N, C-alpha and C. Protein backbone atom coordinates (compact mmCIF):
# COMPACT_ATOMS: atom_id res chain seq x y z
N MET A 1 -19.40 82.28 -51.65
CA MET A 1 -18.60 81.30 -51.12
C MET A 1 -18.91 81.00 -49.68
N VAL A 2 -18.67 79.80 -49.41
CA VAL A 2 -19.04 79.34 -48.08
C VAL A 2 -17.76 79.32 -47.27
N LYS A 3 -17.94 79.87 -46.22
CA LYS A 3 -16.80 79.93 -45.33
C LYS A 3 -16.91 78.80 -44.32
N VAL A 4 -15.87 78.01 -44.19
CA VAL A 4 -15.90 76.87 -43.26
C VAL A 4 -15.09 77.28 -42.05
N ILE A 5 -15.74 77.15 -40.95
CA ILE A 5 -15.06 77.47 -39.71
C ILE A 5 -14.50 76.15 -39.20
N PRO A 6 -13.21 76.15 -39.01
CA PRO A 6 -12.64 74.88 -38.57
C PRO A 6 -13.19 74.48 -37.21
N ASP A 7 -13.47 73.23 -37.11
CA ASP A 7 -14.02 72.68 -35.87
C ASP A 7 -12.88 72.01 -35.11
N TYR A 8 -12.61 72.57 -33.99
CA TYR A 8 -11.49 72.07 -33.17
C TYR A 8 -11.91 70.95 -32.22
N THR A 9 -13.17 70.64 -32.21
CA THR A 9 -13.67 69.61 -31.28
C THR A 9 -13.08 68.24 -31.62
N MET A 10 -12.90 68.01 -32.91
CA MET A 10 -12.31 66.74 -33.31
C MET A 10 -10.89 66.64 -32.78
N LEU A 11 -10.17 67.71 -32.88
CA LEU A 11 -8.80 67.74 -32.39
C LEU A 11 -8.78 67.58 -30.88
N ILE A 12 -9.68 68.20 -30.20
CA ILE A 12 -9.76 68.11 -28.74
C ILE A 12 -10.13 66.69 -28.34
N GLN A 13 -11.05 66.08 -29.04
CA GLN A 13 -11.44 64.69 -28.74
C GLN A 13 -10.26 63.74 -28.95
N MET A 14 -9.47 63.98 -29.98
CA MET A 14 -8.30 63.16 -30.22
C MET A 14 -7.27 63.34 -29.11
N ILE A 15 -7.10 64.57 -28.68
CA ILE A 15 -6.15 64.84 -27.58
C ILE A 15 -6.65 64.18 -26.30
N ILE A 16 -7.94 64.29 -26.02
CA ILE A 16 -8.52 63.68 -24.82
C ILE A 16 -8.39 62.14 -24.92
N PHE A 17 -8.64 61.62 -26.10
CA PHE A 17 -8.53 60.16 -26.30
C PHE A 17 -7.09 59.68 -26.06
N LEU A 18 -6.14 60.43 -26.61
CA LEU A 18 -4.72 60.08 -26.41
C LEU A 18 -4.34 60.21 -24.93
N ALA A 19 -4.84 61.27 -24.29
CA ALA A 19 -4.55 61.45 -22.85
C ALA A 19 -5.18 60.31 -22.06
N LEU A 20 -6.38 59.91 -22.43
CA LEU A 20 -7.04 58.80 -21.76
C LEU A 20 -6.24 57.50 -21.94
N ILE A 21 -5.75 57.26 -23.14
CA ILE A 21 -4.93 56.06 -23.39
C ILE A 21 -3.67 56.12 -22.55
N PHE A 22 -3.03 57.28 -22.49
CA PHE A 22 -1.81 57.44 -21.70
C PHE A 22 -2.09 57.19 -20.21
N VAL A 23 -3.16 57.79 -19.69
CA VAL A 23 -3.51 57.63 -18.28
C VAL A 23 -3.91 56.18 -17.99
N LEU A 24 -4.72 55.59 -18.86
CA LEU A 24 -5.11 54.19 -18.65
C LEU A 24 -3.90 53.26 -18.75
N ASN A 25 -2.97 53.60 -19.63
CA ASN A 25 -1.75 52.80 -19.74
C ASN A 25 -0.99 52.83 -18.41
N ILE A 26 -0.88 53.97 -17.82
CA ILE A 26 -0.14 54.10 -16.55
C ILE A 26 -0.93 53.47 -15.40
N LEU A 27 -2.21 53.75 -15.31
CA LEU A 27 -3.01 53.33 -14.17
C LEU A 27 -3.54 51.89 -14.27
N LEU A 28 -3.77 51.40 -15.47
CA LEU A 28 -4.43 50.12 -15.60
C LEU A 28 -3.58 49.07 -16.34
N TYR A 29 -3.13 49.36 -17.50
CA TYR A 29 -2.50 48.37 -18.36
C TYR A 29 -1.15 47.91 -17.79
N LYS A 30 -0.27 48.85 -17.41
CA LYS A 30 1.05 48.48 -16.89
C LYS A 30 0.94 47.70 -15.57
N PRO A 31 0.10 48.09 -14.60
CA PRO A 31 -0.01 47.28 -13.38
C PRO A 31 -0.53 45.87 -13.66
N ILE A 32 -1.48 45.74 -14.56
CA ILE A 32 -2.01 44.41 -14.89
C ILE A 32 -0.92 43.58 -15.55
N LEU A 33 -0.17 44.19 -16.47
CA LEU A 33 0.94 43.47 -17.12
C LEU A 33 2.01 43.07 -16.11
N SER A 34 2.30 43.95 -15.17
CA SER A 34 3.32 43.61 -14.17
C SER A 34 2.82 42.48 -13.26
N ILE A 35 1.54 42.49 -12.92
CA ILE A 35 0.98 41.41 -12.10
C ILE A 35 1.03 40.10 -12.89
N ILE A 36 0.66 40.15 -14.16
CA ILE A 36 0.70 38.95 -15.00
C ILE A 36 2.14 38.44 -15.12
N ASP A 37 3.10 39.37 -15.30
CA ASP A 37 4.51 38.96 -15.39
C ASP A 37 4.98 38.33 -14.08
N ARG A 38 4.61 38.93 -12.95
CA ARG A 38 5.00 38.35 -11.65
C ARG A 38 4.42 36.94 -11.48
N ARG A 39 3.16 36.79 -11.83
CA ARG A 39 2.54 35.47 -11.71
C ARG A 39 3.21 34.46 -12.66
N LYS A 40 3.53 34.93 -13.85
CA LYS A 40 4.21 34.05 -14.80
C LYS A 40 5.57 33.63 -14.25
N LYS A 41 6.31 34.57 -13.65
CA LYS A 41 7.61 34.25 -13.04
C LYS A 41 7.44 33.29 -11.87
N GLN A 42 6.42 33.54 -11.06
CA GLN A 42 6.16 32.64 -9.93
C GLN A 42 5.83 31.23 -10.42
N LEU A 43 5.02 31.15 -11.47
CA LEU A 43 4.69 29.85 -12.03
C LEU A 43 5.93 29.15 -12.58
N GLU A 44 6.77 29.91 -13.27
CA GLU A 44 8.01 29.33 -13.79
C GLU A 44 8.91 28.85 -12.66
N GLU A 45 9.02 29.69 -11.61
CA GLU A 45 9.83 29.29 -10.45
C GLU A 45 9.25 28.05 -9.78
N SER A 46 7.93 28.02 -9.65
CA SER A 46 7.28 26.85 -9.05
C SER A 46 7.50 25.62 -9.91
N GLU A 47 7.39 25.78 -11.23
CA GLU A 47 7.63 24.66 -12.13
C GLU A 47 9.08 24.19 -12.02
N ASN A 48 10.01 25.13 -11.92
CA ASN A 48 11.42 24.76 -11.76
C ASN A 48 11.64 24.03 -10.44
N GLU A 49 11.01 24.54 -9.38
CA GLU A 49 11.13 23.87 -8.08
C GLU A 49 10.55 22.46 -8.14
N ILE A 50 9.40 22.34 -8.79
CA ILE A 50 8.77 21.02 -8.93
C ILE A 50 9.67 20.10 -9.74
N LYS A 51 10.25 20.63 -10.81
CA LYS A 51 11.15 19.83 -11.64
C LYS A 51 12.36 19.39 -10.82
N LEU A 52 12.95 20.32 -10.06
CA LEU A 52 14.10 19.97 -9.22
C LEU A 52 13.70 18.95 -8.16
N PHE A 53 12.53 19.15 -7.58
CA PHE A 53 12.05 18.23 -6.56
C PHE A 53 11.84 16.83 -7.16
N ASN A 54 11.22 16.78 -8.33
CA ASN A 54 11.01 15.49 -9.00
C ASN A 54 12.33 14.82 -9.33
N GLU A 55 13.30 15.60 -9.81
CA GLU A 55 14.62 15.05 -10.10
C GLU A 55 15.27 14.52 -8.83
N SER A 56 15.12 15.29 -7.75
CA SER A 56 15.68 14.85 -6.46
C SER A 56 15.01 13.56 -5.99
N VAL A 57 13.70 13.51 -6.13
CA VAL A 57 12.96 12.30 -5.72
C VAL A 57 13.38 11.12 -6.58
N GLU A 58 13.49 11.33 -7.89
CA GLU A 58 13.90 10.25 -8.78
C GLU A 58 15.31 9.78 -8.43
N LYS A 59 16.18 10.73 -8.13
CA LYS A 59 17.55 10.38 -7.76
C LYS A 59 17.56 9.57 -6.47
N ARG A 60 16.79 10.00 -5.49
CA ARG A 60 16.73 9.27 -4.22
C ARG A 60 16.12 7.88 -4.40
N VAL A 61 15.10 7.80 -5.24
CA VAL A 61 14.48 6.49 -5.50
C VAL A 61 15.49 5.57 -6.17
N ALA A 62 16.26 6.12 -7.12
CA ALA A 62 17.28 5.32 -7.79
C ALA A 62 18.35 4.87 -6.78
N GLU A 63 18.77 5.80 -5.90
CA GLU A 63 19.74 5.44 -4.87
C GLU A 63 19.18 4.36 -3.94
N TYR A 64 17.92 4.53 -3.56
CA TYR A 64 17.28 3.55 -2.67
C TYR A 64 17.23 2.19 -3.34
N GLU A 65 16.81 2.18 -4.62
CA GLU A 65 16.73 0.91 -5.33
C GLU A 65 18.11 0.27 -5.48
N GLU A 66 19.12 1.08 -5.72
CA GLU A 66 20.49 0.55 -5.83
C GLU A 66 20.95 -0.02 -4.49
N LYS A 67 20.67 0.72 -3.41
CA LYS A 67 21.04 0.21 -2.08
C LYS A 67 20.28 -1.08 -1.77
N LEU A 68 19.01 -1.11 -2.13
CA LEU A 68 18.21 -2.31 -1.90
C LEU A 68 18.77 -3.48 -2.70
N LYS A 69 19.15 -3.21 -3.94
CA LYS A 69 19.73 -4.25 -4.79
C LYS A 69 21.04 -4.75 -4.18
N GLN A 70 21.88 -3.82 -3.73
CA GLN A 70 23.16 -4.20 -3.11
C GLN A 70 22.91 -5.01 -1.83
N ALA A 71 21.90 -4.59 -1.05
CA ALA A 71 21.59 -5.32 0.19
C ALA A 71 21.11 -6.73 -0.13
N LYS A 72 20.30 -6.89 -1.18
CA LYS A 72 19.83 -8.22 -1.56
C LYS A 72 21.01 -9.09 -2.01
N ILE A 73 21.91 -8.50 -2.79
CA ILE A 73 23.08 -9.25 -3.25
C ILE A 73 23.93 -9.66 -2.06
N LYS A 74 24.13 -8.72 -1.15
CA LYS A 74 24.94 -9.00 0.04
C LYS A 74 24.28 -10.09 0.89
N ALA A 75 22.95 -10.00 1.04
CA ALA A 75 22.23 -11.00 1.83
C ALA A 75 22.34 -12.37 1.18
N THR A 76 22.25 -12.41 -0.14
CA THR A 76 22.37 -13.69 -0.85
C THR A 76 23.76 -14.28 -0.66
N GLU A 77 24.77 -13.42 -0.77
CA GLU A 77 26.15 -13.90 -0.57
C GLU A 77 26.34 -14.39 0.86
N LEU A 78 25.81 -13.64 1.82
CA LEU A 78 25.93 -14.03 3.22
C LEU A 78 25.21 -15.34 3.47
N LYS A 79 24.06 -15.51 2.85
CA LYS A 79 23.30 -16.75 2.98
C LYS A 79 24.11 -17.92 2.43
N LYS A 80 24.72 -17.71 1.26
CA LYS A 80 25.54 -18.76 0.67
C LYS A 80 26.72 -19.10 1.57
N GLU A 81 27.35 -18.06 2.14
CA GLU A 81 28.48 -18.30 3.04
C GLU A 81 28.04 -19.10 4.27
N ILE A 82 26.89 -18.73 4.82
CA ILE A 82 26.40 -19.42 6.02
C ILE A 82 26.08 -20.88 5.68
N ILE A 83 25.43 -21.09 4.53
CA ILE A 83 25.12 -22.47 4.12
C ILE A 83 26.40 -23.26 3.91
N GLN A 84 27.39 -22.63 3.27
CA GLN A 84 28.67 -23.32 3.03
C GLN A 84 29.36 -23.63 4.36
N GLU A 85 29.32 -22.66 5.26
CA GLU A 85 29.94 -22.88 6.58
C GLU A 85 29.24 -24.01 7.32
N GLY A 86 27.90 -24.04 7.25
CA GLY A 86 27.14 -25.13 7.89
C GLY A 86 27.48 -26.47 7.26
N ALA A 87 27.61 -26.49 5.93
CA ALA A 87 27.96 -27.74 5.25
C ALA A 87 29.36 -28.19 5.66
N ASN A 88 30.28 -27.24 5.76
CA ASN A 88 31.64 -27.59 6.18
C ASN A 88 31.66 -28.14 7.61
N GLN A 89 30.89 -27.49 8.50
CA GLN A 89 30.83 -27.97 9.88
C GLN A 89 30.20 -29.37 9.93
N ALA A 90 29.14 -29.57 9.15
CA ALA A 90 28.51 -30.89 9.12
C ALA A 90 29.49 -31.93 8.61
N LYS A 91 30.24 -31.59 7.57
CA LYS A 91 31.23 -32.52 7.02
C LYS A 91 32.30 -32.85 8.06
N ASN A 92 32.74 -31.79 8.78
CA ASN A 92 33.75 -32.02 9.83
C ASN A 92 33.21 -32.95 10.92
N ILE A 93 31.95 -32.73 11.29
CA ILE A 93 31.35 -33.57 12.34
C ILE A 93 31.23 -35.01 11.84
N VAL A 94 30.75 -35.17 10.60
CA VAL A 94 30.61 -36.52 10.04
C VAL A 94 31.97 -37.20 9.94
N ASP A 95 32.96 -36.45 9.48
CA ASP A 95 34.31 -37.03 9.39
C ASP A 95 34.83 -37.44 10.77
N ALA A 96 34.59 -36.58 11.78
CA ALA A 96 35.04 -36.90 13.12
C ALA A 96 34.35 -38.17 13.63
N VAL A 97 33.05 -38.26 13.38
CA VAL A 97 32.30 -39.45 13.82
C VAL A 97 32.79 -40.68 13.07
N ARG A 98 33.04 -40.54 11.77
CA ARG A 98 33.56 -41.67 11.00
C ARG A 98 34.92 -42.12 11.52
N ASN A 99 35.73 -41.17 11.93
CA ASN A 99 37.04 -41.53 12.49
C ASN A 99 36.90 -42.19 13.86
N GLU A 100 35.87 -41.81 14.61
CA GLU A 100 35.67 -42.39 15.94
C GLU A 100 35.06 -43.80 15.87
N ILE A 101 34.32 -44.08 14.82
CA ILE A 101 33.63 -45.36 14.71
C ILE A 101 34.61 -46.55 14.78
N PRO A 102 35.69 -46.58 14.01
CA PRO A 102 36.61 -47.72 14.12
C PRO A 102 37.22 -47.85 15.52
N VAL A 103 37.53 -46.71 16.14
CA VAL A 103 38.09 -46.75 17.50
C VAL A 103 37.07 -47.33 18.45
N MET A 104 35.82 -46.87 18.32
CA MET A 104 34.77 -47.38 19.21
C MET A 104 34.53 -48.86 18.94
N ALA A 105 34.58 -49.26 17.66
CA ALA A 105 34.37 -50.67 17.32
C ALA A 105 35.48 -51.54 17.91
N ARG A 106 36.73 -51.05 17.84
CA ARG A 106 37.84 -51.81 18.41
C ARG A 106 37.68 -51.94 19.92
N GLU A 107 37.31 -50.82 20.58
CA GLU A 107 37.12 -50.86 22.04
C GLU A 107 36.00 -51.85 22.39
N PHE A 108 34.91 -51.78 21.63
CA PHE A 108 33.80 -52.68 21.88
C PHE A 108 34.22 -54.14 21.67
N GLN A 109 34.98 -54.39 20.58
CA GLN A 109 35.46 -55.75 20.30
C GLN A 109 36.37 -56.23 21.42
N GLN A 110 37.21 -55.34 21.93
CA GLN A 110 38.10 -55.72 23.03
C GLN A 110 37.29 -56.07 24.28
N LYS A 111 36.27 -55.26 24.56
CA LYS A 111 35.42 -55.54 25.73
C LYS A 111 34.70 -56.87 25.54
N MET A 112 34.20 -57.08 24.30
CA MET A 112 33.50 -58.33 24.03
C MET A 112 34.44 -59.54 24.18
N ASP A 113 35.67 -59.38 23.69
CA ASP A 113 36.64 -60.46 23.82
C ASP A 113 36.91 -60.77 25.30
N LYS A 114 37.02 -59.73 26.10
CA LYS A 114 37.25 -59.93 27.55
C LYS A 114 36.06 -60.64 28.19
N GLU A 115 34.87 -60.21 27.81
CA GLU A 115 33.66 -60.81 28.36
C GLU A 115 33.56 -62.30 27.94
N VAL A 116 33.90 -62.56 26.67
CA VAL A 116 33.87 -63.94 26.18
C VAL A 116 34.87 -64.79 26.97
N GLU A 117 36.03 -64.24 27.20
CA GLU A 117 37.05 -64.98 27.97
C GLU A 117 36.55 -65.25 29.38
N LYS A 118 35.95 -64.25 30.01
CA LYS A 118 35.41 -64.45 31.36
C LYS A 118 34.33 -65.52 31.34
N ALA A 119 33.45 -65.40 30.32
CA ALA A 119 32.36 -66.38 30.23
C ALA A 119 32.92 -67.78 30.01
N LYS A 120 33.96 -67.90 29.19
CA LYS A 120 34.58 -69.21 28.97
C LYS A 120 35.16 -69.77 30.27
N LEU A 121 35.81 -68.90 31.02
CA LEU A 121 36.38 -69.35 32.29
C LEU A 121 35.28 -69.82 33.23
N VAL A 122 34.20 -69.05 33.29
CA VAL A 122 33.10 -69.42 34.18
C VAL A 122 32.47 -70.72 33.69
N LEU A 123 32.25 -70.80 32.39
CA LEU A 123 31.63 -72.01 31.85
C LEU A 123 32.55 -73.24 32.00
N ASP A 124 33.85 -73.03 31.81
CA ASP A 124 34.78 -74.16 32.00
C ASP A 124 34.70 -74.68 33.43
N SER A 125 34.70 -73.78 34.39
CA SER A 125 34.66 -74.23 35.78
C SER A 125 33.30 -74.87 36.08
N HIS A 126 32.24 -74.35 35.55
CA HIS A 126 30.91 -74.91 35.80
C HIS A 126 30.66 -76.15 34.95
N SER A 127 31.28 -76.25 33.82
CA SER A 127 31.03 -77.39 32.95
C SER A 127 31.50 -78.70 33.60
N LYS A 128 32.59 -78.64 34.31
CA LYS A 128 33.05 -79.86 35.00
C LYS A 128 32.05 -80.26 36.05
N GLU A 129 31.55 -79.32 36.81
CA GLU A 129 30.56 -79.61 37.85
C GLU A 129 29.29 -80.15 37.22
N LEU A 130 28.84 -79.50 36.13
CA LEU A 130 27.61 -79.92 35.47
C LEU A 130 27.76 -81.33 34.90
N SER A 131 28.90 -81.60 34.28
CA SER A 131 29.07 -82.94 33.70
C SER A 131 29.09 -84.01 34.80
N VAL A 132 29.67 -83.69 35.94
CA VAL A 132 29.66 -84.66 37.05
C VAL A 132 28.24 -84.87 37.52
N GLN A 133 27.47 -83.77 37.68
CA GLN A 133 26.10 -83.88 38.15
C GLN A 133 25.24 -84.67 37.15
N ILE A 134 25.44 -84.43 35.86
CA ILE A 134 24.68 -85.15 34.84
C ILE A 134 25.04 -86.64 34.89
N ALA A 135 26.31 -86.92 34.99
CA ALA A 135 26.74 -88.32 35.04
C ALA A 135 26.16 -89.02 36.25
N GLN A 136 26.09 -88.31 37.39
CA GLN A 136 25.54 -88.91 38.61
C GLN A 136 24.05 -89.19 38.42
N LYS A 137 23.36 -88.30 37.79
CA LYS A 137 21.92 -88.50 37.60
C LYS A 137 21.68 -89.62 36.60
N VAL A 138 22.48 -89.68 35.57
CA VAL A 138 22.28 -90.72 34.57
C VAL A 138 22.64 -92.11 35.18
N LEU A 139 23.73 -92.15 35.85
CA LEU A 139 24.16 -93.42 36.42
C LEU A 139 23.38 -93.77 37.69
N GLY A 140 22.93 -92.77 38.34
CA GLY A 140 22.18 -93.01 39.56
C GLY A 140 23.10 -93.29 40.75
N ARG A 141 24.31 -93.01 40.65
CA ARG A 141 25.25 -93.21 41.74
C ARG A 141 26.27 -92.09 41.70
N PRO A 142 26.97 -91.83 42.77
CA PRO A 142 27.99 -90.77 42.77
C PRO A 142 29.20 -91.15 41.92
N VAL A 143 29.68 -90.13 41.23
CA VAL A 143 30.84 -90.32 40.38
C VAL A 143 31.94 -89.41 40.90
N GLN A 144 33.18 -89.97 40.82
CA GLN A 144 34.28 -89.17 41.33
C GLN A 144 35.13 -88.68 40.25
């Protein structure tokens, strides 16, 4: 019969292999995993910050556009008010001038009537002299 001497080298190699896995797990695998986890958390935090920043920017852009829209509406209303006010002032001025025209026409007519009367008086006094002078020239002798 053959006697087999158990070989413990296989068992020792397995123990060394397990010890190596344990040591590598502590020294290499766990630190790399923790670094990867930290980076993943940082990326997630950065993505969240970017998302919040984008939301904030979108909100501000929406607020800006709303304010711009309100300002345009307000400017349009103000423009309409100014145009209406100008039209009202123009109408008031035209109405005032229209009311003054008859008064001015009456004053002018009164002045013209006075001037006509003066001219008639002057012409009446001169017409007698002129008719006497014409009669003297036509007759060739003095007329009384």
